[in-house]
């Protein structure tokens, strides 16, 4: 796996590294918002004392970190395919550019030895089509990574997604919240069984999780910043309307999520994008703090 010089140096000194997915940049947010997202997320990780590592397949090479020319190509969104865990080998064999989803990034983290990953929201069980379930859920159940997010994307069936996470044995930890966030909104009414208040506590819980032989991920959720969060009713109304529009347009498969997010952006007069950018930065900052706490614990353990 190729690493940029900065990331290679971080690994060499035992520093904190946080993975960031590339699909949110190449298929999620539209320009120029994707460029702003990349800058804000990387800056937030660095401000916490960690090193950001955007994961991607770059012309067939699994990569941690994107060189400036590669990042520009991914931000331009031309010829960059969406790569889930199942697609990684094919993208490598075909020497393609591939932007990793949550599932794809989880697999890359496992290969690279990265313990912390920040994203916006995970995939889950779809509304009105419970058979349509994101590969993110299964990958979370079998890949040992801390995933920091604002819950599942609001376009999904959130109660069903939370139930599936429970069935798959994935612990969902609220960071200073007892409620599953609604991605764009703070409240969903879905209560969590575990709440922690500091990055150090999350690091401790993760080490205990691994010591008990648990092989899957730990999902750490926090609501979007209150000053940009959207009312739950507004999000639900916009989502229902966007789903109807997608059905009428015959949108299917991997094109559904980008279509819905763009439609919701219009229906909320751009407020959803403001919230999305803020929560991505917010999650990256927390992930950086958790990664630093883990690195400090490793250093202390080695010193004793």
C-alpha atoms as a PDB file:
ATOM      1  CA  UNK A   1       0.000   0.000   0.000  1.00  0.00           C
ATOM      2  CA  UNK A   2       1.393   3.363  -1.027  1.00  0.00           C
ATOM      3  CA  UNK A   3       1.680   6.095   1.601  1.00  0.00           C
ATOM      4  CA  UNK A   4       2.537   9.742   1.194  1.00  0.00           C
ATOM      5  CA  UNK A   5       5.761  10.876   2.868  1.00  0.00           C
ATOM      6  CA  UNK A   6       3.852  12.653   5.656  1.00  0.00           C
ATOM      7  CA  UNK A   7       1.825   9.555   6.482  1.00  0.00           C
ATOM      8  CA  UNK A   8       4.884   7.310   6.263  1.00  0.00           C
ATOM      9  CA  UNK A   9       6.625   9.557   8.788  1.00  0.00           C
ATOM     10  CA  UNK A  10       3.615   9.410  11.117  1.00  0.00           C
ATOM     11  CA  UNK A  11       3.661   5.612  11.066  1.00  0.00           C
ATOM     12  CA  UNK A  12       7.423   5.542  11.625  1.00  0.00           C
ATOM     13  CA  UNK A  13       7.207   7.600  14.809  1.00  0.00           C
ATOM     14  CA  UNK A  14       4.122   5.793  16.108  1.00  0.00           C
ATOM     15  CA  UNK A  15       1.961   8.858  15.686  1.00  0.00           C
ATOM     16  CA  UNK A  16      -1.796   9.129  15.477  1.00  0.00           C
ATOM     17  CA  UNK A  17      -3.317   8.596  12.013  1.00  0.00           C
ATOM     18  CA  UNK A  18      -6.975   9.089  11.039  1.00  0.00           C
ATOM     19  CA  UNK A  19      -8.458   7.637   7.860  1.00  0.00           C
ATOM     20  CA  UNK A  20     -10.851   9.744   5.763  1.00  0.00           C
ATOM     21  CA  UNK A  21     -12.984   8.281   2.989  1.00  0.00           C
ATOM     22  CA  UNK A  22     -12.696   9.637  -0.558  1.00  0.00           C
ATOM     23  CA  UNK A  23     -16.192   8.806  -1.836  1.00  0.00           C
ATOM     24  CA  UNK A  24     -17.705  11.773   0.000  1.00  0.00           C
ATOM     25  CA  UNK A  25     -15.390  13.942  -2.113  1.00  0.00           C
ATOM     26  CA  UNK A  26     -15.715  12.192  -5.470  1.00  0.00           C
ATOM     27  CA  UNK A  27     -19.366  11.113  -5.393  1.00  0.00           C
ATOM     28  CA  UNK A  28     -20.998  12.833  -2.419  1.00  0.00           C
ATOM     29  CA  UNK A  29     -20.583  16.568  -2.111  1.00  0.00           C
ATOM     30  CA  UNK A  30     -20.572  18.577  -5.330  1.00  0.00           C
ATOM     31  CA  UNK A  31     -17.814  21.095  -6.199  1.00  0.00           C
ATOM     32  CA  UNK A  32     -16.836  23.426  -4.634  1.00  0.00           C
ATOM     33  CA  UNK A  33     -18.232  21.939  -1.428  1.00  0.00           C
ATOM     34  CA  UNK A  34     -16.133  18.773  -1.762  1.00  0.00           C
ATOM     35  CA  UNK A  35     -12.946  20.849  -1.820  1.00  0.00           C
ATOM     36  CA  UNK A  36     -14.023  22.693   1.316  1.00  0.00           C
ATOM     37  CA  UNK A  37     -14.871  19.396   3.011  1.00  0.00           C
ATOM     38  CA  UNK A  38     -11.427  17.952   2.280  1.00  0.00           C
ATOM     39  CA  UNK A  39      -9.678  21.057   3.599  1.00  0.00           C
ATOM     40  CA  UNK A  40     -11.797  21.315   6.749  1.00  0.00           C
ATOM     41  CA  UNK A  41     -11.541  17.630   7.635  1.00  0.00           C
ATOM     42  CA  UNK A  42      -7.781  17.443   7.160  1.00  0.00           C
ATOM     43  CA  UNK A  43      -7.248  20.666   9.111  1.00  0.00           C
ATOM     44  CA  UNK A  44      -9.428  19.374  11.973  1.00  0.00           C
ATOM     45  CA  UNK A  45      -7.443  16.131  12.239  1.00  0.00           C
ATOM     46  CA  UNK A  46      -4.162  18.042  12.195  1.00  0.00           C
ATOM     47  CA  UNK A  47      -5.382  20.518  14.830  1.00  0.00           C
ATOM     48  CA  UNK A  48      -6.017  17.553  17.127  1.00  0.00           C
ATOM     49  CA  UNK A  49      -2.395  16.447  16.718  1.00  0.00           C
ATOM     50  CA  UNK A  50      -3.023  13.577  14.292  1.00  0.00           C
ATOM     51  CA  UNK A  51      -2.258  12.945  10.616  1.00  0.00           C
ATOM     52  CA  UNK A  52      -5.126  12.669   8.100  1.00  0.00           C
ATOM     53  CA  UNK A  53      -5.005   9.906   5.499  1.00  0.00           C
ATOM     54  CA  UNK A  54      -7.526  10.009   2.663  1.00  0.00           C
ATOM     55  CA  UNK A  55      -7.955   6.431   1.429  1.00  0.00           C
ATOM     56  CA  UNK A  56      -8.349   5.674  -2.281  1.00  0.00           C
ATOM     57  CA  UNK A  57      -7.334   3.462  -5.173  1.00  0.00           C
ATOM     58  CA  UNK A  58      -5.092   5.700  -7.278  1.00  0.00           C
ATOM     59  CA  UNK A  59      -4.667   4.382 -10.817  1.00  0.00           C
ATOM     60  CA  UNK A  60      -4.823   0.863  -9.459  1.00  0.00           C
ATOM     61  CA  UNK A  61      -2.663   1.426  -6.376  1.00  0.00           C
ATOM     62  CA  UNK A  62      -4.192   1.237  -2.871  1.00  0.00           C
ATOM     63  CA  UNK A  63      -3.137   4.526  -1.294  1.00  0.00           C
ATOM     64  CA  UNK A  64      -3.090   6.264   2.063  1.00  0.00           C
ATOM     65  CA  UNK A  65      -3.097   9.961   1.385  1.00  0.00           C
ATOM     66  CA  UNK A  66      -3.492  11.708  -1.956  1.00  0.00           C
ATOM     67  CA  UNK A  67      -0.744  13.707  -3.584  1.00  0.00           C
ATOM     68  CA  UNK A  68      -1.905  17.170  -4.758  1.00  0.00           C
ATOM     69  CA  UNK A  69      -2.405  16.128  -8.399  1.00  0.00           C
ATOM     70  CA  UNK A  70      -4.338  13.029  -7.373  1.00  0.00           C
ATOM     71  CA  UNK A  71      -6.516  15.005  -4.971  1.00  0.00           C
ATOM     72  CA  UNK A  72      -7.362  17.473  -7.742  1.00  0.00           C
ATOM     73  CA  UNK A  73      -8.400  14.606 -10.011  1.00  0.00           C
ATOM     74  CA  UNK A  74     -10.662  13.127  -7.351  1.00  0.00           C
ATOM     75  CA  UNK A  75     -12.211  16.507  -6.562  1.00  0.00           C
ATOM     76  CA  UNK A  76     -12.922  16.997 -10.274  1.00  0.00           C
ATOM     77  CA  UNK A  77     -14.966  13.755 -10.069  1.00  0.00           C
ATOM     78  CA  UNK A  78     -14.124  12.717 -13.635  1.00  0.00           C
ATOM     79  CA  UNK A  79     -13.569   9.020 -14.232  1.00  0.00           C
ATOM     80  CA  UNK A  80     -13.437   8.165 -10.520  1.00  0.00           C
ATOM     81  CA  UNK A  81     -15.507   5.109  -9.667  1.00  0.00           C
ATOM     82  CA  UNK A  82     -17.241   4.462  -6.357  1.00  0.00           C
ATOM     83  CA  UNK A  83     -15.456   1.594  -4.605  1.00  0.00           C
ATOM     84  CA  UNK A  84     -16.960  -0.486  -1.813  1.00  0.00           C
ATOM     85  CA  UNK A  85     -15.133  -3.367  -0.141  1.00  0.00           C
ATOM     86  CA  UNK A  86     -16.199  -5.822  -2.844  1.00  0.00           C
ATOM     87  CA  UNK A  87     -14.836  -3.549  -5.599  1.00  0.00           C
ATOM     88  CA  UNK A  88     -11.304  -2.973  -4.311  1.00  0.00           C
ATOM     89  CA  UNK A  89      -9.628  -5.886  -6.098  1.00  0.00           C
ATOM     90  CA  UNK A  90     -11.333  -5.127  -9.403  1.00  0.00           C
ATOM     91  CA  UNK A  91     -10.311  -1.458  -9.234  1.00  0.00           C
ATOM     92  CA  UNK A  92      -6.713  -2.496  -8.559  1.00  0.00           C
ATOM     93  CA  UNK A  93      -6.670  -5.046 -11.390  1.00  0.00           C
ATOM     94  CA  UNK A  94      -8.115  -2.523 -13.846  1.00  0.00           C
ATOM     95  CA  UNK A  95      -5.704   0.217 -12.702  1.00  0.00           C
ATOM     96  CA  UNK A  96      -8.649   2.488 -12.023  1.00  0.00           C
ATOM     97  CA  UNK A  97      -9.199   5.526  -9.844  1.00  0.00           C
ATOM     98  CA  UNK A  98     -11.508   4.441  -7.042  1.00  0.00           C
ATOM     99  CA  UNK A  99     -13.033   6.539  -4.276  1.00  0.00           C
ATOM    100  CA  UNK A 100     -13.616   4.388  -1.206  1.00  0.00           C
ATOM    101  CA  UNK A 101     -16.959   4.223   0.574  1.00  0.00           C
ATOM    102  CA  UNK A 102     -17.252   3.518   4.297  1.00  0.00           C
ATOM    103  CA  UNK A 103     -16.996  -0.237   3.627  1.00  0.00           C
ATOM    104  CA  UNK A 104     -14.064   0.245   1.271  1.00  0.00           C
ATOM    105  CA  UNK A 105     -12.283   2.525   3.720  1.00  0.00           C
ATOM    106  CA  UNK A 106     -12.782   0.043   6.557  1.00  0.00           C
ATOM    107  CA  UNK A 107     -11.030  -2.625   4.509  1.00  0.00           C
ATOM    108  CA  UNK A 108      -8.185  -0.233   3.707  1.00  0.00           C
ATOM    109  CA  UNK A 109      -7.853   0.646   7.402  1.00  0.00           C
ATOM    110  CA  UNK A 110      -7.514  -3.027   8.311  1.00  0.00           C
ATOM    111  CA  UNK A 111      -4.819  -3.526   5.691  1.00  0.00           C
ATOM    112  CA  UNK A 112      -2.909  -0.434   6.799  1.00  0.00           C
ATOM    113  CA  UNK A 113      -3.259  -0.881  10.558  1.00  0.00           C
ATOM    114  CA  UNK A 114      -5.271   2.322  11.113  1.00  0.00           C
ATOM    115  CA  UNK A 115      -7.583   2.212  14.131  1.00  0.00           C
ATOM    116  CA  UNK A 116      -9.628   5.403  13.692  1.00  0.00           C
ATOM    117  CA  UNK A 117     -11.748   6.547  10.756  1.00  0.00           C
ATOM    118  CA  UNK A 118     -13.904   9.687  10.444  1.00  0.00           C
ATOM    119  CA  UNK A 119     -16.820  10.073   8.065  1.00  0.00           C
ATOM    120  CA  UNK A 120     -20.158  11.861   7.802  1.00  0.00           C
ATOM    121  CA  UNK A 121     -22.703   9.080   8.085  1.00  0.00           C
ATOM    122  CA  UNK A 122     -22.676   5.351   7.509  1.00  0.00           C
ATOM    123  CA  UNK A 123     -24.945   3.448   5.133  1.00  0.00           C
ATOM    124  CA  UNK A 124     -27.695   1.255   6.501  1.00  0.00           C
ATOM    125  CA  UNK A 125     -31.138  -0.183   5.834  1.00  0.00           C
ATOM    126  CA  UNK A 126     -33.046   1.730   3.179  1.00  0.00           C
ATOM    127  CA  UNK A 127     -36.537   3.122   3.644  1.00  0.00           C
ATOM    128  CA  UNK A 128     -39.331   1.236   1.854  1.00  0.00           C
ATOM    129  CA  UNK A 129     -36.820  -1.412   0.733  1.00  0.00           C
ATOM    130  CA  UNK A 130     -35.455  -3.284   3.765  1.00  0.00           C
ATOM    131  CA  UNK A 131     -33.793  -5.820   1.452  1.00  0.00           C
ATOM    132  CA  UNK A 132     -31.566  -2.960   0.235  1.00  0.00           C
ATOM    133  CA  UNK A 133     -28.947  -2.870   2.951  1.00  0.00           C
ATOM    134  CA  UNK A 134     -25.597  -1.121   2.727  1.00  0.00           C
ATOM    135  CA  UNK A 135     -22.423  -3.200   2.701  1.00  0.00           C
ATOM    136  CA  UNK A 136     -21.191  -0.801   5.399  1.00  0.00           C
ATOM    137  CA  UNK A 137     -23.112  -2.751   8.047  1.00  0.00           C
ATOM    138  CA  UNK A 138     -21.529  -6.136   7.365  1.00  0.00           C
ATOM    139  CA  UNK A 139     -18.092  -4.570   7.042  1.00  0.00           C
ATOM    140  CA  UNK A 140     -18.542  -2.832  10.391  1.00  0.00           C
ATOM    141  CA  UNK A 141     -19.327  -6.213  11.960  1.00  0.00           C
ATOM    142  CA  UNK A 142     -16.022  -7.761  10.867  1.00  0.00           C
ATOM    143  CA  UNK A 143     -13.454  -4.960  10.697  1.00  0.00           C
ATOM    144  CA  UNK A 144     -11.801  -3.632  13.903  1.00  0.00           C
ATOM    145  CA  UNK A 145     -11.852   0.146  13.475  1.00  0.00           C
ATOM    146  CA  UNK A 146     -13.313   3.021  15.500  1.00  0.00           C
ATOM    147  CA  UNK A 147     -15.695   4.844  13.155  1.00  0.00           C
ATOM    148  CA  UNK A 148     -16.675   8.388  14.118  1.00  0.00           C
ATOM    149  CA  UNK A 149     -19.822   9.684  12.427  1.00  0.00           C
ATOM    150  CA  UNK A 150     -23.108  11.544  12.871  1.00  0.00           C
ATOM    151  CA  UNK A 151     -25.070   8.299  12.747  1.00  0.00           C
ATOM    152  CA  UNK A 152     -26.497   6.830   9.557  1.00  0.00           C
ATOM    153  CA  UNK A 153     -27.491   9.023   6.627  1.00  0.00           C
ATOM    154  CA  UNK A 154     -30.899  10.600   7.196  1.00  0.00           C
ATOM    155  CA  UNK A 155     -32.275   9.119   3.961  1.00  0.00           C
ATOM    156  CA  UNK A 156     -32.212   5.662   5.601  1.00  0.00           C
ATOM    157  CA  UNK A 157     -34.510   3.755   7.916  1.00  0.00           C
ATOM    158  CA  UNK A 158     -32.775   4.729  11.139  1.00  0.00           C
ATOM    159  CA  UNK A 159     -34.644   2.435  13.581  1.00  0.00           C
ATOM    160  CA  UNK A 160     -34.013  -0.565  11.314  1.00  0.00           C
ATOM    161  CA  UNK A 161     -30.365   0.405  10.882  1.00  0.00           C
ATOM    162  CA  UNK A 162     -29.855   0.645  14.643  1.00  0.00           C
ATOM    163  CA  UNK A 163     -31.486  -2.778  15.080  1.00  0.00           C
ATOM    164  CA  UNK A 164     -29.211  -4.297  12.428  1.00  0.00           C
ATOM    165  CA  UNK A 165     -26.139  -2.876  14.140  1.00  0.00           C
ATOM    166  CA  UNK A 166     -27.280  -4.521  17.352  1.00  0.00           C
ATOM    167  CA  UNK A 167     -27.848  -7.851  15.582  1.00  0.00           C
ATOM    168  CA  UNK A 168     -24.406  -7.651  13.978  1.00  0.00           C
ATOM    169  CA  UNK A 169     -22.769  -6.990  17.344  1.00  0.00           C
ATOM    170  CA  UNK A 170     -21.528  -3.487  16.537  1.00  0.00           C
ATOM    171  CA  UNK A 171     -21.452  -1.292  19.676  1.00  0.00           C
ATOM    172  CA  UNK A 172     -22.873   2.192  19.092  1.00  0.00           C
ATOM    173  CA  UNK A 173     -21.421   4.706  21.539  1.00  0.00           C
ATOM    174  CA  UNK A 174     -22.858   8.176  21.883  1.00  0.00           C
ATOM    175  CA  UNK A 175     -20.251  10.886  22.406  1.00  0.00           C
ATOM    176  CA  UNK A 176     -21.862  13.213  24.947  1.00  0.00           C
ATOM    177  CA  UNK A 177     -25.286  12.102  23.719  1.00  0.00           C
ATOM    178  CA  UNK A 178     -27.736   9.384  24.766  1.00  0.00           C
ATOM    179  CA  UNK A 179     -29.565   9.515  21.452  1.00  0.00           C
ATOM    180  CA  UNK A 180     -28.685   8.365  17.938  1.00  0.00           C
ATOM    181  CA  UNK A 181     -28.172  11.526  15.867  1.00  0.00           C
ATOM    182  CA  UNK A 182     -30.111  11.953  12.646  1.00  0.00           C
ATOM    183  CA  UNK A 183     -27.105  13.043  10.533  1.00  0.00           C
ATOM    184  CA  UNK A 184     -28.466  16.493   9.626  1.00  0.00           C
ATOM    185  CA  UNK A 185     -30.462  16.692  12.868  1.00  0.00           C
ATOM    186  CA  UNK A 186     -29.635  16.260  16.544  1.00  0.00           C
ATOM    187  CA  UNK A 187     -32.648  14.212  17.629  1.00  0.00           C
ATOM    188  CA  UNK A 188     -34.240  10.971  16.427  1.00  0.00           C
ATOM    189  CA  UNK A 189     -35.800   9.603  19.607  1.00  0.00           C
ATOM    190  CA  UNK A 190     -33.667   6.467  19.251  1.00  0.00           C
ATOM    191  CA  UNK A 191     -31.914   5.930  22.563  1.00  0.00           C
ATOM    192  CA  UNK A 192     -28.449   4.402  22.898  1.00  0.00           C
ATOM    193  CA  UNK A 193     -27.199   1.997  25.546  1.00  0.00           C
ATOM    194  CA  UNK A 194     -23.741   3.555  25.942  1.00  0.00           C
ATOM    195  CA  UNK A 195     -22.555   7.153  26.332  1.00  0.00           C
ATOM    196  CA  UNK A 196     -18.991   8.387  26.871  1.00  0.00           C
ATOM    197  CA  UNK A 197     -17.805  11.923  27.507  1.00  0.00           C
ATOM    198  CA  UNK A 198     -14.107  12.107  26.577  1.00  0.00           C
ATOM    199  CA  UNK A 199     -11.817  10.828  23.819  1.00  0.00           C
ATOM    200  CA  UNK A 200      -9.756   9.057  26.497  1.00  0.00           C
ATOM    201  CA  UNK A 201     -12.832   7.140  27.659  1.00  0.00           C
ATOM    202  CA  UNK A 202     -13.519   6.068  24.083  1.00  0.00           C
ATOM    203  CA  UNK A 203      -9.905   4.919  23.726  1.00  0.00           C
ATOM    204  CA  UNK A 204     -10.230   2.909  26.947  1.00  0.00           C
ATOM    205  CA  UNK A 205     -13.481   1.326  25.757  1.00  0.00           C
ATOM    206  CA  UNK A 206     -11.856   0.433  22.435  1.00  0.00           C
ATOM    207  CA  UNK A 207      -8.916  -1.281  24.096  1.00  0.00           C
ATOM    208  CA  UNK A 208     -11.328  -3.272  26.267  1.00  0.00           C
ATOM    209  CA  UNK A 209     -13.422  -4.125  23.205  1.00  0.00           C
ATOM    210  CA  UNK A 210     -10.357  -5.554  21.479  1.00  0.00           C
ATOM    211  CA  UNK A 211      -9.080  -7.305  24.617  1.00  0.00           C
ATOM    212  CA  UNK A 212     -12.382  -9.165  24.843  1.00  0.00           C
ATOM    213  CA  UNK A 213     -11.747 -10.621  21.404  1.00  0.00           C
ATOM    214  CA  UNK A 214     -14.386  -8.529  19.609  1.00  0.00           C
ATOM    215  CA  UNK A 215     -13.441  -8.452  15.946  1.00  0.00           C
ATOM    216  CA  UNK A 216     -15.778  -5.764  14.659  1.00  0.00           C
ATOM    217  CA  UNK A 217     -15.853  -1.997  14.670  1.00  0.00           C
ATOM    218  CA  UNK A 218     -17.025   0.434  17.326  1.00  0.00           C
ATOM    219  CA  UNK A 219     -19.344   3.142  16.042  1.00  0.00           C
ATOM    220  CA  UNK A 220     -18.922   6.475  17.837  1.00  0.00           C
ATOM    221  CA  UNK A 221     -21.731   8.895  17.059  1.00  0.00           C
ATOM    222  CA  UNK A 222     -22.105  12.582  17.807  1.00  0.00           C
ATOM    223  CA  UNK A 223     -24.783  15.031  16.630  1.00  0.00           C
ATOM    224  CA  UNK A 224     -23.993  17.808  14.165  1.00  0.00           C
ATOM    225  CA  UNK A 225     -23.102  21.174  15.712  1.00  0.00           C
ATOM    226  CA  UNK A 226     -26.264  22.696  17.154  1.00  0.00           C
ATOM    227  CA  UNK A 227     -25.861  26.010  15.326  1.00  0.00           C
ATOM    228  CA  UNK A 228     -26.160  24.335  11.894  1.00  0.00           C
ATOM    229  CA  UNK A 229     -28.310  21.289  12.687  1.00  0.00           C
ATOM    230  CA  UNK A 230     -31.664  21.032  10.892  1.00  0.00           C
ATOM    231  CA  UNK A 231     -35.024  20.377  12.588  1.00  0.00           C
ATOM    232  CA  UNK A 232     -35.942  16.694  12.460  1.00  0.00           C
ATOM    233  CA  UNK A 233     -39.303  17.438  10.819  1.00  0.00           C
ATOM    234  CA  UNK A 234     -37.684  19.442   8.013  1.00  0.00           C
ATOM    235  CA  UNK A 235     -35.199  16.657   7.288  1.00  0.00           C
ATOM    236  CA  UNK A 236     -37.914  14.006   7.218  1.00  0.00           C
ATOM    237  CA  UNK A 237     -40.177  16.078   4.960  1.00  0.00           C
ATOM    238  CA  UNK A 238     -37.343  16.767   2.514  1.00  0.00           C
ATOM    239  CA  UNK A 239     -36.246  13.132   2.557  1.00  0.00           C
ATOM    240  CA  UNK A 240     -39.716  11.761   1.794  1.00  0.00           C
ATOM    241  CA  UNK A 241     -40.072  14.191  -1.109  1.00  0.00           C
ATOM    242  CA  UNK A 242     -36.595  13.341  -2.414  1.00  0.00           C
ATOM    243  CA  UNK A 243     -37.339   9.606  -2.273  1.00  0.00           C
ATOM    244  CA  UNK A 244     -40.506  10.162  -4.311  1.00  0.00           C
ATOM    245  CA  UNK A 245     -38.513  12.190  -6.849  1.00  0.00           C
ATOM    246  CA  UNK A 246     -35.870   9.465  -7.132  1.00  0.00           C
ATOM    247  CA  UNK A 247     -38.537   6.822  -7.694  1.00  0.00           C
ATOM    248  CA  UNK A 248     -40.243   8.917 -10.354  1.00  0.00           C
ATOM    249  CA  UNK A 249     -36.906   9.479 -12.107  1.00  0.00           C
ATOM    250  CA  UNK A 250     -36.052   5.779 -12.021  1.00  0.00           C
ATOM    251  CA  UNK A 251     -32.856   6.313 -10.049  1.00  0.00           C
ATOM    252  CA  UNK A 252     -31.409   3.022  -8.835  1.00  0.00           C
ATOM    253  CA  UNK A 253     -28.381   1.475  -7.113  1.00  0.00           C
ATOM    254  CA  UNK A 254     -25.340   3.543  -6.237  1.00  0.00           C
ATOM    255  CA  UNK A 255     -26.824   6.640  -7.877  1.00  0.00           C
ATOM    256  CA  UNK A 256     -29.603   6.895  -5.284  1.00  0.00           C
ATOM    257  CA  UNK A 257     -27.655   8.448  -2.408  1.00  0.00           C
ATOM    258  CA  UNK A 258     -26.001  11.256  -4.459  1.00  0.00           C
ATOM    259  CA  UNK A 259     -29.388  12.017  -6.063  1.00  0.00           C
ATOM    260  CA  UNK A 260     -31.161  12.203  -2.710  1.00  0.00           C
ATOM    261  CA  UNK A 261     -28.514  14.377  -1.075  1.00  0.00           C
ATOM    262  CA  UNK A 262     -28.593  16.824  -4.009  1.00  0.00           C
ATOM    263  CA  UNK A 263     -32.400  16.913  -3.934  1.00  0.00           C
ATOM    264  CA  UNK A 264     -32.454  17.491  -0.166  1.00  0.00           C
ATOM    265  CA  UNK A 265     -29.952  20.315  -0.638  1.00  0.00           C
ATOM    266  CA  UNK A 266     -32.439  22.092  -2.919  1.00  0.00           C
ATOM    267  CA  UNK A 267     -35.399  21.455  -0.630  1.00  0.00           C
ATOM    268  CA  UNK A 268     -33.555  22.853   2.406  1.00  0.00           C
ATOM    269  CA  UNK A 269     -32.217  25.900   0.534  1.00  0.00           C
ATOM    270  CA  UNK A 270     -28.653  24.708   1.005  1.00  0.00           C
ATOM    271  CA  UNK A 271     -28.905  24.251   4.771  1.00  0.00           C
ATOM    272  CA  UNK A 272     -28.184  20.526   4.451  1.00  0.00           C
ATOM    273  CA  UNK A 273     -24.809  21.264   2.826  1.00  0.00           C
ATOM    274  CA  UNK A 274     -23.885  23.685   5.600  1.00  0.00           C
ATOM    275  CA  UNK A 275     -24.740  21.014   8.156  1.00  0.00           C
ATOM    276  CA  UNK A 276     -22.894  18.323   6.194  1.00  0.00           C
ATOM    277  CA  UNK A 277     -19.672  20.323   6.017  1.00  0.00           C
ATOM    278  CA  UNK A 278     -19.842  21.181   9.708  1.00  0.00           C
ATOM    279  CA  UNK A 279     -20.486  17.622  10.863  1.00  0.00           C
ATOM    280  CA  UNK A 280     -17.672  16.262   8.683  1.00  0.00           C
ATOM    281  CA  UNK A 281     -15.261  18.714  10.308  1.00  0.00           C
ATOM    282  CA  UNK A 282     -16.715  17.999  13.766  1.00  0.00           C
ATOM    283  CA  UNK A 283     -16.287  14.235  13.330  1.00  0.00           C
ATOM    284  CA  UNK A 284     -12.753  14.589  11.981  1.00  0.00           C
ATOM    285  CA  UNK A 285     -11.779  16.636  15.040  1.00  0.00           C
ATOM    286  CA  UNK A 286     -13.140  14.011  17.449  1.00  0.00           C
ATOM    287  CA  UNK A 287     -11.476  11.203  15.499  1.00  0.00           C
ATOM    288  CA  UNK A 288      -8.160  13.036  15.734  1.00  0.00           C
ATOM    289  CA  UNK A 289      -8.538  13.380  19.491  1.00  0.00           C
ATOM    290  CA  UNK A 290      -9.346   9.674  19.871  1.00  0.00           C
ATOM    291  CA  UNK A 291      -6.391   8.687  17.698  1.00  0.00           C
ATOM    292  CA  UNK A 292      -4.080  10.836  19.821  1.00  0.00           C
ATOM    293  CA  UNK A 293      -5.449   9.254  23.010  1.00  0.00           C
ATOM    294  CA  UNK A 294      -4.714   5.796  21.588  1.00  0.00           C
ATOM    295  CA  UNK A 295      -1.196   6.841  20.547  1.00  0.00           C
ATOM    296  CA  UNK A 296      -0.487   8.246  24.026  1.00  0.00           C
ATOM    297  CA  UNK A 297      -1.685   4.996  25.602  1.00  0.00           C
ATOM    298  CA  UNK A 298       0.611   2.983  23.327  1.00  0.00           C
ATOM    299  CA  UNK A 299       3.545   5.206  24.247  1.00  0.00           C
ATOM    300  CA  UNK A 300       2.804   4.907  27.971  1.00  0.00           C
ATOM    301  CA  UNK A 301       2.491   1.138  27.702  1.00  0.00           C
ATOM    302  CA  UNK A 302       5.826   0.888  25.882  1.00  0.00           C
ATOM    303  CA  UNK A 303       7.511   3.060  28.506  1.00  0.00           C
ATOM    304  CA  UNK A 304       6.451   0.840  31.427  1.00  0.00           C
END
